[in-house]
Amino acid sequence: MASKTRILIVDDHQLVILYSLTKIGNFDVITTNTCDDALELILKHQNNHPFQIVLTDLSFDNGTKATKLNGGEALIKAIKNQNIAIKIGVITGHVETNRIYNVIQNLNPDAYLIKSKCGVTELGFAIEKMRANDFYYSHEVHQKIMRRNILQIQMDEVAIQVLKELPNHTKISNLEGVILKNDGSVIKLRSIETKLSNLRADLNANNNTDLILKAKELGIID
């Protein structure tokens, strides 16, 4: 008889995930609401009845001064730094494109799911993918990563300059003489206005204020 898949849930709001898991299959589920306890449990059982999957949130509201791992990213880093053989799934409410992009680029989790849109079927599919040594990123996550990659390709040096300088000037006309080509020559106002128009279209921004907010959300500028 095959042993049950052992899953560790790391979340300070676990009820929805627990409910979904009971609907998916008969798993051996352990829960904890801190990343410190999660790492301790993973290490404790690493050689005896280990966990196959850890499902972690990214942010926790119950940290204290004694907390060592202050979020899901820190937990994932600790697991990977110690070369622990466990599949890592992120299930979180964070939908910011730049955060999703950074977690996937830097930490390479086996799954990334958005809590508000993750139903029983999708969670079950993600678990099956992880058990089969495959990756699963939800549709929304895929769309955000694709958009971020496309925009990064489209962003030239002039576009980055315009986006960085725009918040510092009350009038677009003030950007003339500030935005420069690679050879150091000045870019004319009309070209700057055209660049801004294209950027608003690319980022689906309603105006220049919205453009800056979306550029920051995407991590194009700080």
N, C-alpha and C. Protein backbone atom coordinates (compact mmCIF):
# COMPACT_ATOMS: atom_id res chain seq x y z
N MET A 1 0.84 -1.19 0.00
CA MET A 1 0.00 0.00 0.00
C MET A 1 0.88 1.26 0.00
N ALA A 2 0.65 2.17 -0.95
CA ALA A 2 1.47 3.37 -1.07
C ALA A 2 1.24 4.29 0.13
N SER A 3 2.32 4.91 0.59
CA SER A 3 2.20 5.82 1.73
C SER A 3 1.55 7.12 1.28
N LYS A 4 0.91 7.78 2.22
CA LYS A 4 0.26 9.05 1.91
C LYS A 4 1.31 10.13 1.63
N THR A 5 0.95 11.06 0.74
CA THR A 5 1.79 12.23 0.54
C THR A 5 1.73 13.10 1.78
N ARG A 6 2.89 13.44 2.30
CA ARG A 6 2.95 14.22 3.54
C ARG A 6 3.14 15.69 3.18
N ILE A 7 2.21 16.52 3.62
CA ILE A 7 2.20 17.94 3.26
C ILE A 7 2.28 18.80 4.51
N LEU A 8 3.16 19.80 4.46
CA LEU A 8 3.26 20.78 5.55
C LEU A 8 2.68 22.10 5.06
N ILE A 9 1.68 22.61 5.77
CA ILE A 9 1.09 23.91 5.46
C ILE A 9 1.68 24.95 6.41
N VAL A 10 2.23 26.02 5.82
CA VAL A 10 2.82 27.10 6.62
C VAL A 10 2.02 28.36 6.33
N ASP A 11 1.14 28.72 7.23
CA ASP A 11 0.22 29.84 6.98
C ASP A 11 -0.42 30.23 8.30
N ASP A 12 -0.61 31.54 8.50
CA ASP A 12 -1.32 31.96 9.71
C ASP A 12 -2.82 32.08 9.48
N HIS A 13 -3.27 31.70 8.28
CA HIS A 13 -4.71 31.62 7.96
C HIS A 13 -4.90 30.36 7.13
N GLN A 14 -5.07 29.22 7.78
CA GLN A 14 -4.95 27.92 7.13
C GLN A 14 -6.26 27.28 6.69
N LEU A 15 -7.39 27.77 7.17
CA LEU A 15 -8.64 27.03 7.06
C LEU A 15 -9.03 26.71 5.62
N VAL A 16 -8.88 27.67 4.72
CA VAL A 16 -9.30 27.46 3.33
C VAL A 16 -8.46 26.37 2.68
N ILE A 17 -7.14 26.41 2.91
CA ILE A 17 -6.25 25.40 2.33
C ILE A 17 -6.57 24.02 2.91
N LEU A 18 -6.77 23.97 4.22
CA LEU A 18 -7.09 22.69 4.86
C LEU A 18 -8.39 22.11 4.31
N TYR A 19 -9.39 22.95 4.15
CA TYR A 19 -10.67 22.50 3.61
C TYR A 19 -10.48 21.94 2.20
N SER A 20 -9.70 22.65 1.38
CA SER A 20 -9.47 22.20 0.01
C SER A 20 -8.76 20.86 -0.02
N LEU A 21 -7.77 20.69 0.85
CA LEU A 21 -7.02 19.44 0.87
C LEU A 21 -7.89 18.25 1.26
N THR A 22 -8.86 18.47 2.16
CA THR A 22 -9.76 17.37 2.54
C THR A 22 -10.64 16.95 1.37
N LYS A 23 -10.90 17.88 0.46
CA LYS A 23 -11.72 17.58 -0.72
C LYS A 23 -10.92 16.91 -1.83
N ILE A 24 -9.61 17.12 -1.83
CA ILE A 24 -8.77 16.61 -2.93
C ILE A 24 -8.43 15.15 -2.75
N GLY A 25 -7.96 14.78 -1.55
CA GLY A 25 -7.51 13.41 -1.34
C GLY A 25 -7.15 13.16 0.10
N ASN A 26 -6.65 11.97 0.34
CA ASN A 26 -6.31 11.55 1.70
C ASN A 26 -4.82 11.77 1.93
N PHE A 27 -4.46 12.97 2.37
CA PHE A 27 -3.07 13.31 2.60
C PHE A 27 -2.76 13.28 4.09
N ASP A 28 -1.48 13.20 4.40
CA ASP A 28 -1.00 13.34 5.77
C ASP A 28 -0.58 14.80 5.93
N VAL A 29 -1.43 15.59 6.56
CA VAL A 29 -1.23 17.04 6.61
C VAL A 29 -0.85 17.50 8.01
N ILE A 30 0.21 18.29 8.07
CA ILE A 30 0.64 18.94 9.30
C ILE A 30 0.61 20.44 9.06
N THR A 31 0.25 21.22 10.07
CA THR A 31 0.17 22.66 9.90
C THR A 31 1.02 23.39 10.93
N THR A 32 1.48 24.56 10.54
CA THR A 32 2.15 25.47 11.46
C THR A 32 1.89 26.90 10.99
N ASN A 33 1.94 27.84 11.90
CA ASN A 33 1.65 29.22 11.50
C ASN A 33 2.88 30.12 11.54
N THR A 34 4.08 29.52 11.66
CA THR A 34 5.31 30.31 11.59
C THR A 34 6.35 29.59 10.73
N CYS A 35 7.20 30.38 10.10
CA CYS A 35 8.24 29.81 9.24
C CYS A 35 9.35 29.17 10.07
N ASP A 36 9.61 29.72 11.25
CA ASP A 36 10.62 29.11 12.13
C ASP A 36 10.23 27.68 12.50
N ASP A 37 8.97 27.51 12.92
CA ASP A 37 8.49 26.17 13.27
C ASP A 37 8.49 25.26 12.05
N ALA A 38 8.17 25.82 10.89
CA ALA A 38 8.14 25.01 9.67
C ALA A 38 9.51 24.42 9.37
N LEU A 39 10.54 25.25 9.41
CA LEU A 39 11.89 24.74 9.13
C LEU A 39 12.30 23.70 10.17
N GLU A 40 11.95 23.95 11.42
CA GLU A 40 12.28 22.99 12.48
C GLU A 40 11.60 21.64 12.23
N LEU A 41 10.33 21.68 11.82
CA LEU A 41 9.60 20.43 11.53
C LEU A 41 10.21 19.71 10.33
N ILE A 42 10.54 20.46 9.29
CA ILE A 42 11.12 19.86 8.09
C ILE A 42 12.45 19.17 8.42
N LEU A 43 13.29 19.85 9.19
CA LEU A 43 14.58 19.27 9.56
C LEU A 43 14.42 18.07 10.50
N LYS A 44 13.48 18.18 11.42
CA LYS A 44 13.25 17.10 12.39
C LYS A 44 12.84 15.81 11.70
N HIS A 45 12.04 15.93 10.65
CA HIS A 45 11.52 14.73 9.98
C HIS A 45 12.23 14.42 8.66
N GLN A 46 13.34 15.11 8.42
CA GLN A 46 14.01 14.97 7.13
C GLN A 46 14.43 13.53 6.83
N ASN A 47 14.91 12.84 7.85
CA ASN A 47 15.40 11.47 7.66
C ASN A 47 14.43 10.41 8.16
N ASN A 48 13.35 10.85 8.78
CA ASN A 48 12.37 9.91 9.30
C ASN A 48 10.96 10.43 9.02
N HIS A 49 10.29 9.83 8.05
CA HIS A 49 8.94 10.26 7.67
C HIS A 49 8.94 11.70 7.17
N PRO A 50 9.72 12.02 6.14
CA PRO A 50 9.86 13.40 5.67
C PRO A 50 8.62 13.92 4.97
N PHE A 51 8.51 15.23 4.90
CA PHE A 51 7.46 15.88 4.12
C PHE A 51 7.86 15.85 2.64
N GLN A 52 6.88 15.58 1.77
CA GLN A 52 7.14 15.64 0.34
C GLN A 52 6.87 17.04 -0.23
N ILE A 53 5.91 17.75 0.39
CA ILE A 53 5.49 19.06 -0.12
C ILE A 53 5.33 20.03 1.04
N VAL A 54 5.78 21.27 0.84
CA VAL A 54 5.47 22.35 1.77
C VAL A 54 4.71 23.42 0.99
N LEU A 55 3.58 23.85 1.54
CA LEU A 55 2.78 24.93 0.96
C LEU A 55 2.89 26.12 1.90
N THR A 56 3.47 27.21 1.42
CA THR A 56 3.70 28.35 2.31
C THR A 56 3.14 29.65 1.76
N ASP A 57 2.65 30.48 2.66
CA ASP A 57 2.30 31.85 2.32
C ASP A 57 3.61 32.65 2.28
N LEU A 58 3.53 33.90 1.84
CA LEU A 58 4.72 34.76 1.83
C LEU A 58 4.78 35.68 3.03
N SER A 59 3.63 36.22 3.45
CA SER A 59 3.60 37.17 4.56
C SER A 59 2.86 36.60 5.76
N PHE A 60 3.37 36.94 6.94
CA PHE A 60 2.78 36.47 8.19
C PHE A 60 2.60 37.65 9.13
N ASP A 61 1.48 37.63 9.86
CA ASP A 61 1.15 38.73 10.77
C ASP A 61 1.56 38.46 12.21
N ASN A 62 2.17 37.31 12.46
CA ASN A 62 2.41 36.91 13.85
C ASN A 62 3.89 36.93 14.22
N GLY A 63 4.69 37.70 13.49
CA GLY A 63 6.12 37.76 13.80
C GLY A 63 6.38 38.48 15.11
N THR A 64 7.50 38.11 15.76
CA THR A 64 7.94 38.75 17.00
C THR A 64 9.41 39.10 16.86
N LYS A 65 9.97 39.72 17.88
CA LYS A 65 11.40 40.06 17.86
C LYS A 65 12.26 38.81 17.79
N ALA A 66 11.72 37.69 18.27
CA ALA A 66 12.48 36.44 18.27
C ALA A 66 12.39 35.70 16.93
N THR A 67 11.54 36.15 16.03
CA THR A 67 11.36 35.47 14.74
C THR A 67 12.64 35.53 13.92
N LYS A 68 13.07 34.39 13.43
CA LYS A 68 14.28 34.32 12.60
C LYS A 68 13.94 34.38 11.11
N LEU A 69 12.94 33.61 10.71
CA LEU A 69 12.51 33.59 9.30
C LEU A 69 11.23 34.43 9.21
N ASN A 70 11.34 35.62 8.66
CA ASN A 70 10.23 36.57 8.74
C ASN A 70 9.28 36.53 7.56
N GLY A 71 9.22 35.40 6.86
CA GLY A 71 8.28 35.28 5.76
C GLY A 71 8.60 34.09 4.88
N GLY A 72 7.70 33.86 3.92
CA GLY A 72 7.85 32.70 3.05
C GLY A 72 9.12 32.70 2.23
N GLU A 73 9.54 33.88 1.76
CA GLU A 73 10.78 33.94 0.99
C GLU A 73 11.97 33.46 1.82
N ALA A 74 12.01 33.89 3.09
CA ALA A 74 13.11 33.48 3.97
C ALA A 74 13.08 31.98 4.21
N LEU A 75 11.88 31.42 4.36
CA LEU A 75 11.75 29.97 4.55
C LEU A 75 12.24 29.21 3.32
N ILE A 76 11.82 29.66 2.14
CA ILE A 76 12.24 28.98 0.91
C ILE A 76 13.76 29.04 0.75
N LYS A 77 14.34 30.20 1.03
CA LYS A 77 15.80 30.33 0.95
C LYS A 77 16.49 29.36 1.90
N ALA A 78 15.97 29.26 3.13
CA ALA A 78 16.57 28.37 4.13
C ALA A 78 16.49 26.91 3.68
N ILE A 79 15.36 26.52 3.11
CA ILE A 79 15.18 25.15 2.61
C ILE A 79 16.17 24.86 1.49
N LYS A 80 16.28 25.81 0.56
CA LYS A 80 17.18 25.60 -0.58
C LYS A 80 18.65 25.66 -0.17
N ASN A 81 18.99 26.53 0.77
CA ASN A 81 20.37 26.62 1.24
C ASN A 81 20.84 25.34 1.91
N GLN A 82 19.89 24.61 2.50
CA GLN A 82 20.24 23.36 3.17
C GLN A 82 20.01 22.14 2.29
N ASN A 83 19.67 22.40 1.01
CA ASN A 83 19.49 21.32 0.02
C ASN A 83 18.52 20.25 0.50
N ILE A 84 17.42 20.69 1.07
CA ILE A 84 16.41 19.75 1.55
C ILE A 84 15.53 19.32 0.38
N ALA A 85 15.36 18.02 0.25
CA ALA A 85 14.58 17.47 -0.86
C ALA A 85 13.10 17.55 -0.53
N ILE A 86 12.48 18.65 -0.90
CA ILE A 86 11.05 18.85 -0.66
C ILE A 86 10.52 19.77 -1.75
N LYS A 87 9.31 19.50 -2.23
CA LYS A 87 8.68 20.36 -3.22
C LYS A 87 8.07 21.57 -2.52
N ILE A 88 8.26 22.74 -3.11
CA ILE A 88 7.82 23.99 -2.46
C ILE A 88 6.73 24.65 -3.29
N GLY A 89 5.57 24.82 -2.68
CA GLY A 89 4.48 25.53 -3.32
C GLY A 89 4.16 26.81 -2.58
N VAL A 90 4.09 27.92 -3.30
CA VAL A 90 3.67 29.19 -2.71
C VAL A 90 2.18 29.35 -2.94
N ILE A 91 1.43 29.63 -1.88
CA ILE A 91 0.01 29.92 -2.02
C ILE A 91 -0.26 31.15 -1.19
N THR A 92 -0.51 32.27 -1.86
CA THR A 92 -0.49 33.57 -1.21
C THR A 92 -1.51 34.53 -1.78
N GLY A 93 -1.77 35.58 -1.04
CA GLY A 93 -2.65 36.63 -1.53
C GLY A 93 -1.91 37.70 -2.31
N HIS A 94 -0.59 37.63 -2.34
CA HIS A 94 0.20 38.66 -3.03
C HIS A 94 0.09 38.50 -4.55
N VAL A 95 -0.41 39.54 -5.19
CA VAL A 95 -0.58 39.49 -6.65
C VAL A 95 0.26 40.56 -7.34
N GLU A 96 1.13 41.26 -6.60
CA GLU A 96 1.97 42.28 -7.21
C GLU A 96 2.92 41.63 -8.20
N THR A 97 2.90 42.13 -9.43
CA THR A 97 3.70 41.52 -10.50
C THR A 97 5.16 41.44 -10.12
N ASN A 98 5.71 42.51 -9.58
CA ASN A 98 7.13 42.51 -9.28
C ASN A 98 7.50 41.49 -8.20
N ARG A 99 6.62 41.32 -7.21
CA ARG A 99 6.92 40.35 -6.15
C ARG A 99 6.84 38.92 -6.72
N ILE A 100 5.81 38.65 -7.50
CA ILE A 100 5.70 37.34 -8.14
C ILE A 100 6.94 37.06 -8.98
N TYR A 101 7.31 38.05 -9.79
CA TYR A 101 8.47 37.91 -10.68
C TYR A 101 9.74 37.61 -9.87
N ASN A 102 9.97 38.35 -8.80
CA ASN A 102 11.18 38.16 -8.00
C ASN A 102 11.20 36.81 -7.29
N VAL A 103 10.05 36.39 -6.77
CA VAL A 103 10.00 35.09 -6.08
C VAL A 103 10.33 33.97 -7.07
N ILE A 104 9.74 34.02 -8.25
CA ILE A 104 9.96 32.96 -9.23
C ILE A 104 11.38 33.01 -9.78
N GLN A 105 11.86 34.21 -10.09
CA GLN A 105 13.22 34.35 -10.64
C GLN A 105 14.29 33.96 -9.64
N ASN A 106 14.12 34.36 -8.39
CA ASN A 106 15.17 34.17 -7.39
C ASN A 106 15.06 32.88 -6.60
N LEU A 107 13.82 32.37 -6.41
CA LEU A 107 13.61 31.23 -5.53
C LEU A 107 13.11 29.98 -6.25
N ASN A 108 12.57 30.15 -7.44
CA ASN A 108 12.18 29.02 -8.29
C ASN A 108 11.30 27.99 -7.56
N PRO A 109 10.17 28.41 -6.98
CA PRO A 109 9.29 27.44 -6.32
C PRO A 109 8.67 26.50 -7.35
N ASP A 110 8.24 25.34 -6.87
CA ASP A 110 7.64 24.35 -7.77
C ASP A 110 6.22 24.72 -8.17
N ALA A 111 5.57 25.55 -7.36
CA ALA A 111 4.21 26.01 -7.68
C ALA A 111 4.00 27.40 -7.10
N TYR A 112 3.15 28.15 -7.77
CA TYR A 112 2.78 29.49 -7.26
C TYR A 112 1.30 29.68 -7.55
N LEU A 113 0.51 29.80 -6.48
CA LEU A 113 -0.94 29.92 -6.58
C LEU A 113 -1.42 31.18 -5.87
N ILE A 114 -2.48 31.79 -6.40
CA ILE A 114 -3.08 32.97 -5.79
C ILE A 114 -4.27 32.53 -4.94
N LYS A 115 -4.24 32.85 -3.66
CA LYS A 115 -5.25 32.37 -2.72
C LYS A 115 -6.68 32.66 -3.16
N SER A 116 -6.92 33.89 -3.57
CA SER A 116 -8.29 34.31 -3.86
C SER A 116 -8.89 33.59 -5.07
N LYS A 117 -8.03 32.99 -5.89
CA LYS A 117 -8.51 32.33 -7.12
C LYS A 117 -8.18 30.85 -7.15
N CYS A 118 -7.69 30.34 -6.04
CA CYS A 118 -7.26 28.93 -6.00
C CYS A 118 -8.37 28.07 -5.40
N GLY A 119 -9.02 27.32 -6.25
CA GLY A 119 -10.07 26.41 -5.80
C GLY A 119 -9.52 25.01 -5.57
N VAL A 120 -10.41 24.11 -5.23
CA VAL A 120 -10.03 22.73 -4.95
C VAL A 120 -9.36 22.08 -6.15
N THR A 121 -9.92 22.29 -7.34
CA THR A 121 -9.40 21.65 -8.54
C THR A 121 -7.98 22.10 -8.84
N GLU A 122 -7.75 23.42 -8.76
CA GLU A 122 -6.42 23.93 -9.09
C GLU A 122 -5.38 23.48 -8.06
N LEU A 123 -5.73 23.51 -6.78
CA LEU A 123 -4.79 23.06 -5.76
C LEU A 123 -4.45 21.58 -5.96
N GLY A 124 -5.45 20.78 -6.28
CA GLY A 124 -5.20 19.37 -6.54
C GLY A 124 -4.29 19.16 -7.74
N PHE A 125 -4.51 19.96 -8.78
CA PHE A 125 -3.68 19.86 -9.99
C PHE A 125 -2.24 20.26 -9.67
N ALA A 126 -2.06 21.30 -8.87
CA ALA A 126 -0.72 21.76 -8.51
C ALA A 126 0.02 20.68 -7.71
N ILE A 127 -0.69 20.04 -6.79
CA ILE A 127 -0.07 18.98 -5.99
C ILE A 127 0.35 17.80 -6.87
N GLU A 128 -0.52 17.43 -7.81
CA GLU A 128 -0.17 16.33 -8.72
C GLU A 128 1.05 16.68 -9.56
N LYS A 129 1.13 17.94 -10.01
CA LYS A 129 2.28 18.39 -10.79
C LYS A 129 3.56 18.28 -9.96
N MET A 130 3.50 18.73 -8.70
CA MET A 130 4.67 18.67 -7.84
C MET A 130 5.07 17.23 -7.56
N ARG A 131 4.10 16.38 -7.34
CA ARG A 131 4.39 14.96 -7.09
C ARG A 131 5.05 14.30 -8.30
N ALA A 132 4.75 14.84 -9.49
CA ALA A 132 5.32 14.31 -10.74
C ALA A 132 6.60 15.03 -11.14
N ASN A 133 7.19 15.78 -10.18
CA ASN A 133 8.43 16.54 -10.43
C ASN A 133 8.26 17.58 -11.54
N ASP A 134 7.09 18.18 -11.59
CA ASP A 134 6.81 19.21 -12.58
C ASP A 134 6.47 20.52 -11.86
N PHE A 135 6.36 21.60 -12.63
CA PHE A 135 6.04 22.90 -12.07
C PHE A 135 4.60 23.27 -12.39
N TYR A 136 4.01 24.09 -11.52
CA TYR A 136 2.68 24.61 -11.81
C TYR A 136 2.57 26.05 -11.31
N TYR A 137 2.33 26.98 -12.24
CA TYR A 137 2.03 28.36 -11.90
C TYR A 137 0.64 28.67 -12.43
N SER A 138 -0.18 29.29 -11.60
CA SER A 138 -1.56 29.57 -12.00
C SER A 138 -1.60 30.46 -13.23
N HIS A 139 -2.75 30.49 -13.88
CA HIS A 139 -2.92 31.28 -15.12
C HIS A 139 -2.58 32.74 -14.88
N GLU A 140 -3.07 33.31 -13.77
CA GLU A 140 -2.81 34.71 -13.48
C GLU A 140 -1.31 34.97 -13.30
N VAL A 141 -0.63 34.05 -12.63
CA VAL A 141 0.82 34.19 -12.43
C VAL A 141 1.55 34.13 -13.76
N HIS A 142 1.16 33.18 -14.62
CA HIS A 142 1.77 33.08 -15.95
C HIS A 142 1.59 34.37 -16.73
N GLN A 143 0.39 34.93 -16.69
CA GLN A 143 0.11 36.15 -17.44
C GLN A 143 0.98 37.31 -16.94
N LYS A 144 1.13 37.41 -15.64
CA LYS A 144 1.92 38.49 -15.08
C LYS A 144 3.40 38.35 -15.44
N ILE A 145 3.91 37.13 -15.38
CA ILE A 145 5.32 36.89 -15.72
C ILE A 145 5.57 37.16 -17.20
N MET A 146 4.67 36.71 -18.05
CA MET A 146 4.81 36.95 -19.49
C MET A 146 4.80 38.44 -19.79
N ARG A 147 3.87 39.17 -19.16
CA ARG A 147 3.77 40.61 -19.39
C ARG A 147 5.04 41.31 -18.90
N ARG A 148 5.52 40.90 -17.74
CA ARG A 148 6.74 41.50 -17.18
C ARG A 148 7.93 41.26 -18.11
N ASN A 149 8.06 40.05 -18.65
CA ASN A 149 9.17 39.73 -19.55
C ASN A 149 9.08 40.51 -20.85
N ILE A 150 7.86 40.62 -21.39
CA ILE A 150 7.67 41.36 -22.65
C ILE A 150 8.02 42.83 -22.45
N LEU A 151 7.54 43.41 -21.36
CA LEU A 151 7.81 44.81 -21.09
C LEU A 151 9.30 45.06 -20.87
N GLN A 152 9.97 44.11 -20.23
CA GLN A 152 11.40 44.28 -20.00
C GLN A 152 12.16 44.34 -21.32
N ILE A 153 11.73 43.53 -22.29
CA ILE A 153 12.35 43.54 -23.61
C ILE A 153 12.10 44.88 -24.30
N GLN A 154 10.89 45.43 -24.12
CA GLN A 154 10.50 46.66 -24.80
C GLN A 154 11.13 47.90 -24.18
N MET A 155 11.56 47.82 -22.94
CA MET A 155 12.07 48.99 -22.24
C MET A 155 13.50 49.31 -22.68
N ASP A 156 13.67 50.41 -23.40
CA ASP A 156 15.01 50.84 -23.75
C ASP A 156 15.48 51.88 -22.73
N GLU A 157 16.71 52.37 -22.90
CA GLU A 157 17.29 53.31 -21.94
C GLU A 157 16.49 54.60 -21.86
N VAL A 158 15.99 55.06 -22.99
CA VAL A 158 15.20 56.30 -23.01
C VAL A 158 13.91 56.13 -22.21
N ALA A 159 13.24 54.99 -22.39
CA ALA A 159 12.00 54.73 -21.67
C ALA A 159 12.24 54.73 -20.16
N ILE A 160 13.33 54.10 -19.73
CA ILE A 160 13.65 54.06 -18.30
C ILE A 160 13.92 55.46 -17.76
N GLN A 161 14.67 56.25 -18.54
CA GLN A 161 14.94 57.63 -18.13
C GLN A 161 13.64 58.42 -17.96
N VAL A 162 12.75 58.30 -18.94
CA VAL A 162 11.48 59.04 -18.90
C VAL A 162 10.68 58.66 -17.67
N LEU A 163 10.58 57.36 -17.40
CA LEU A 163 9.81 56.89 -16.25
C LEU A 163 10.41 57.34 -14.93
N LYS A 164 11.73 57.37 -14.84
CA LYS A 164 12.39 57.79 -13.60
C LYS A 164 12.28 59.30 -13.38
N GLU A 165 12.37 60.07 -14.46
CA GLU A 165 12.38 61.53 -14.33
C GLU A 165 10.99 62.14 -14.23
N LEU A 166 10.00 61.47 -14.80
CA LEU A 166 8.65 62.04 -14.87
C LEU A 166 8.11 62.51 -13.52
N PRO A 167 8.26 61.73 -12.43
CA PRO A 167 7.71 62.19 -11.14
C PRO A 167 8.41 63.44 -10.59
N ASN A 168 9.57 63.77 -11.11
CA ASN A 168 10.36 64.89 -10.59
C ASN A 168 10.03 66.22 -11.25
N HIS A 169 9.12 66.21 -12.23
CA HIS A 169 8.84 67.43 -12.99
C HIS A 169 7.34 67.65 -13.10
N THR A 170 6.94 68.90 -12.90
CA THR A 170 5.51 69.24 -12.94
C THR A 170 4.99 69.33 -14.38
N LYS A 171 5.89 69.59 -15.32
CA LYS A 171 5.50 69.69 -16.72
C LYS A 171 6.35 68.76 -17.58
N ILE A 172 5.73 68.16 -18.58
CA ILE A 172 6.46 67.29 -19.49
C ILE A 172 7.53 68.07 -20.23
N SER A 173 7.24 69.34 -20.52
CA SER A 173 8.20 70.16 -21.25
C SER A 173 9.52 70.30 -20.50
N ASN A 174 9.48 70.15 -19.16
CA ASN A 174 10.71 70.25 -18.37
C ASN A 174 11.67 69.09 -18.60
N LEU A 175 11.15 68.02 -19.22
CA LEU A 175 11.99 66.85 -19.47
C LEU A 175 12.96 67.08 -20.64
N GLU A 176 12.64 68.07 -21.48
CA GLU A 176 13.54 68.36 -22.59
C GLU A 176 14.85 68.92 -22.05
N GLY A 177 15.94 68.31 -22.45
CA GLY A 177 17.24 68.68 -21.92
C GLY A 177 17.70 67.76 -20.81
N VAL A 178 16.75 67.00 -20.24
CA VAL A 178 17.07 66.04 -19.16
C VAL A 178 17.23 64.63 -19.72
N ILE A 179 16.33 64.27 -20.66
CA ILE A 179 16.36 62.94 -21.27
C ILE A 179 17.36 62.96 -22.42
N LEU A 180 18.33 62.04 -22.37
CA LEU A 180 19.42 62.03 -23.35
C LEU A 180 19.50 60.70 -24.08
N LYS A 181 20.00 60.75 -25.31
CA LYS A 181 20.31 59.54 -26.07
C LYS A 181 21.61 58.94 -25.54
N ASN A 182 21.94 57.76 -26.05
CA ASN A 182 23.16 57.08 -25.61
C ASN A 182 24.41 57.89 -25.89
N ASP A 183 24.35 58.69 -26.96
CA ASP A 183 25.52 59.49 -27.33
C ASP A 183 25.58 60.82 -26.58
N GLY A 184 24.61 61.04 -25.67
CA GLY A 184 24.60 62.25 -24.87
C GLY A 184 23.83 63.40 -25.46
N SER A 185 23.30 63.23 -26.66
CA SER A 185 22.53 64.30 -27.29
C SER A 185 21.13 64.38 -26.70
N VAL A 186 20.56 65.59 -26.75
CA VAL A 186 19.25 65.85 -26.14
C VAL A 186 18.12 65.30 -27.01
N ILE A 187 17.13 64.73 -26.36
CA ILE A 187 15.94 64.24 -27.07
C ILE A 187 14.88 65.33 -27.05
N LYS A 188 14.33 65.61 -28.21
CA LYS A 188 13.35 66.69 -28.35
C LYS A 188 12.05 66.35 -27.63
N LEU A 189 11.31 67.41 -27.27
CA LEU A 189 10.06 67.27 -26.53
C LEU A 189 9.07 66.37 -27.26
N ARG A 190 8.97 66.56 -28.57
CA ARG A 190 7.99 65.76 -29.33
C ARG A 190 8.30 64.26 -29.22
N SER A 191 9.59 63.91 -29.24
CA SER A 191 9.99 62.49 -29.11
C SER A 191 9.67 61.97 -27.72
N ILE A 192 9.85 62.83 -26.71
CA ILE A 192 9.53 62.44 -25.34
C ILE A 192 8.03 62.19 -25.20
N GLU A 193 7.22 63.07 -25.79
CA GLU A 193 5.77 62.91 -25.73
C GLU A 193 5.33 61.63 -26.44
N THR A 194 5.98 61.32 -27.56
CA THR A 194 5.67 60.08 -28.28
C THR A 194 6.04 58.87 -27.45
N LYS A 195 7.20 58.94 -26.79
CA LYS A 195 7.64 57.83 -25.92
C LYS A 195 6.64 57.62 -24.78
N LEU A 196 6.18 58.71 -24.18
CA LEU A 196 5.21 58.61 -23.10
C LEU A 196 3.90 58.00 -23.58
N SER A 197 3.46 58.40 -24.74
CA SER A 197 2.22 57.87 -25.31
C SER A 197 2.35 56.35 -25.52
N ASN A 198 3.49 55.92 -26.05
CA ASN A 198 3.72 54.49 -26.28
C ASN A 198 3.79 53.72 -24.96
N LEU A 199 4.42 54.33 -23.96
CA LEU A 199 4.51 53.68 -22.65
C LEU A 199 3.14 53.52 -22.00
N ARG A 200 2.30 54.55 -22.12
CA ARG A 200 0.94 54.45 -21.57
C ARG A 200 0.17 53.32 -22.25
N ALA A 201 0.35 53.18 -23.56
CA ALA A 201 -0.32 52.10 -24.30
C ALA A 201 0.23 50.74 -23.87
N ASP A 202 1.56 50.63 -23.74
CA ASP A 202 2.18 49.35 -23.37
C ASP A 202 1.76 48.90 -21.98
N LEU A 203 1.64 49.85 -21.05
CA LEU A 203 1.30 49.51 -19.67
C LEU A 203 -0.18 49.68 -19.36
N ASN A 204 -0.97 49.99 -20.41
CA ASN A 204 -2.41 50.16 -20.25
C ASN A 204 -2.73 51.18 -19.16
N ALA A 205 -2.02 52.32 -19.21
CA ALA A 205 -2.17 53.37 -18.21
C ALA A 205 -3.12 54.45 -18.70
N ASN A 206 -3.94 54.96 -17.80
CA ASN A 206 -4.92 56.00 -18.17
C ASN A 206 -4.29 57.38 -18.33
N ASN A 207 -3.25 57.63 -17.55
CA ASN A 207 -2.56 58.92 -17.59
C ASN A 207 -1.14 58.73 -17.08
N ASN A 208 -0.38 59.82 -16.98
CA ASN A 208 1.02 59.69 -16.57
C ASN A 208 1.18 59.27 -15.11
N THR A 209 0.25 59.70 -14.25
CA THR A 209 0.30 59.27 -12.85
C THR A 209 0.07 57.77 -12.75
N ASP A 210 -0.91 57.28 -13.49
CA ASP A 210 -1.19 55.85 -13.54
C ASP A 210 -0.01 55.09 -14.14
N LEU A 211 0.63 55.69 -15.12
CA LEU A 211 1.81 55.08 -15.76
C LEU A 211 2.92 54.84 -14.74
N ILE A 212 3.21 55.83 -13.92
CA ILE A 212 4.27 55.69 -12.92
C ILE A 212 3.91 54.62 -11.90
N LEU A 213 2.65 54.59 -11.46
CA LEU A 213 2.21 53.58 -10.49
C LEU A 213 2.37 52.17 -11.06
N LYS A 214 2.01 52.00 -12.32
CA LYS A 214 2.10 50.68 -12.95
C LYS A 214 3.55 50.29 -13.19
N ALA A 215 4.39 51.25 -13.53
CA ALA A 215 5.81 50.97 -13.73
C ALA A 215 6.46 50.52 -12.42
N LYS A 216 6.04 51.13 -11.31
CA LYS A 216 6.57 50.73 -10.00
C LYS A 216 6.05 49.35 -9.62
N GLU A 217 4.77 49.11 -9.87
CA GLU A 217 4.18 47.81 -9.52
C GLU A 217 4.86 46.68 -10.30
N LEU A 218 5.29 46.98 -11.52
CA LEU A 218 5.96 45.98 -12.35
C LEU A 218 7.44 45.88 -12.05
N GLY A 219 7.95 46.78 -11.21
CA GLY A 219 9.35 46.75 -10.86
C GLY A 219 10.27 47.35 -11.90
N ILE A 220 9.69 48.09 -12.85
CA ILE A 220 10.50 48.72 -13.89
C ILE A 220 11.30 49.87 -13.30
N ILE A 221 10.70 50.61 -12.36
CA ILE A 221 11.39 51.65 -11.60
C ILE A 221 11.12 51.45 -10.13
N ASP A 222 11.95 52.04 -9.30
CA ASP A 222 11.80 51.90 -7.84
C ASP A 222 10.75 52.85 -7.31
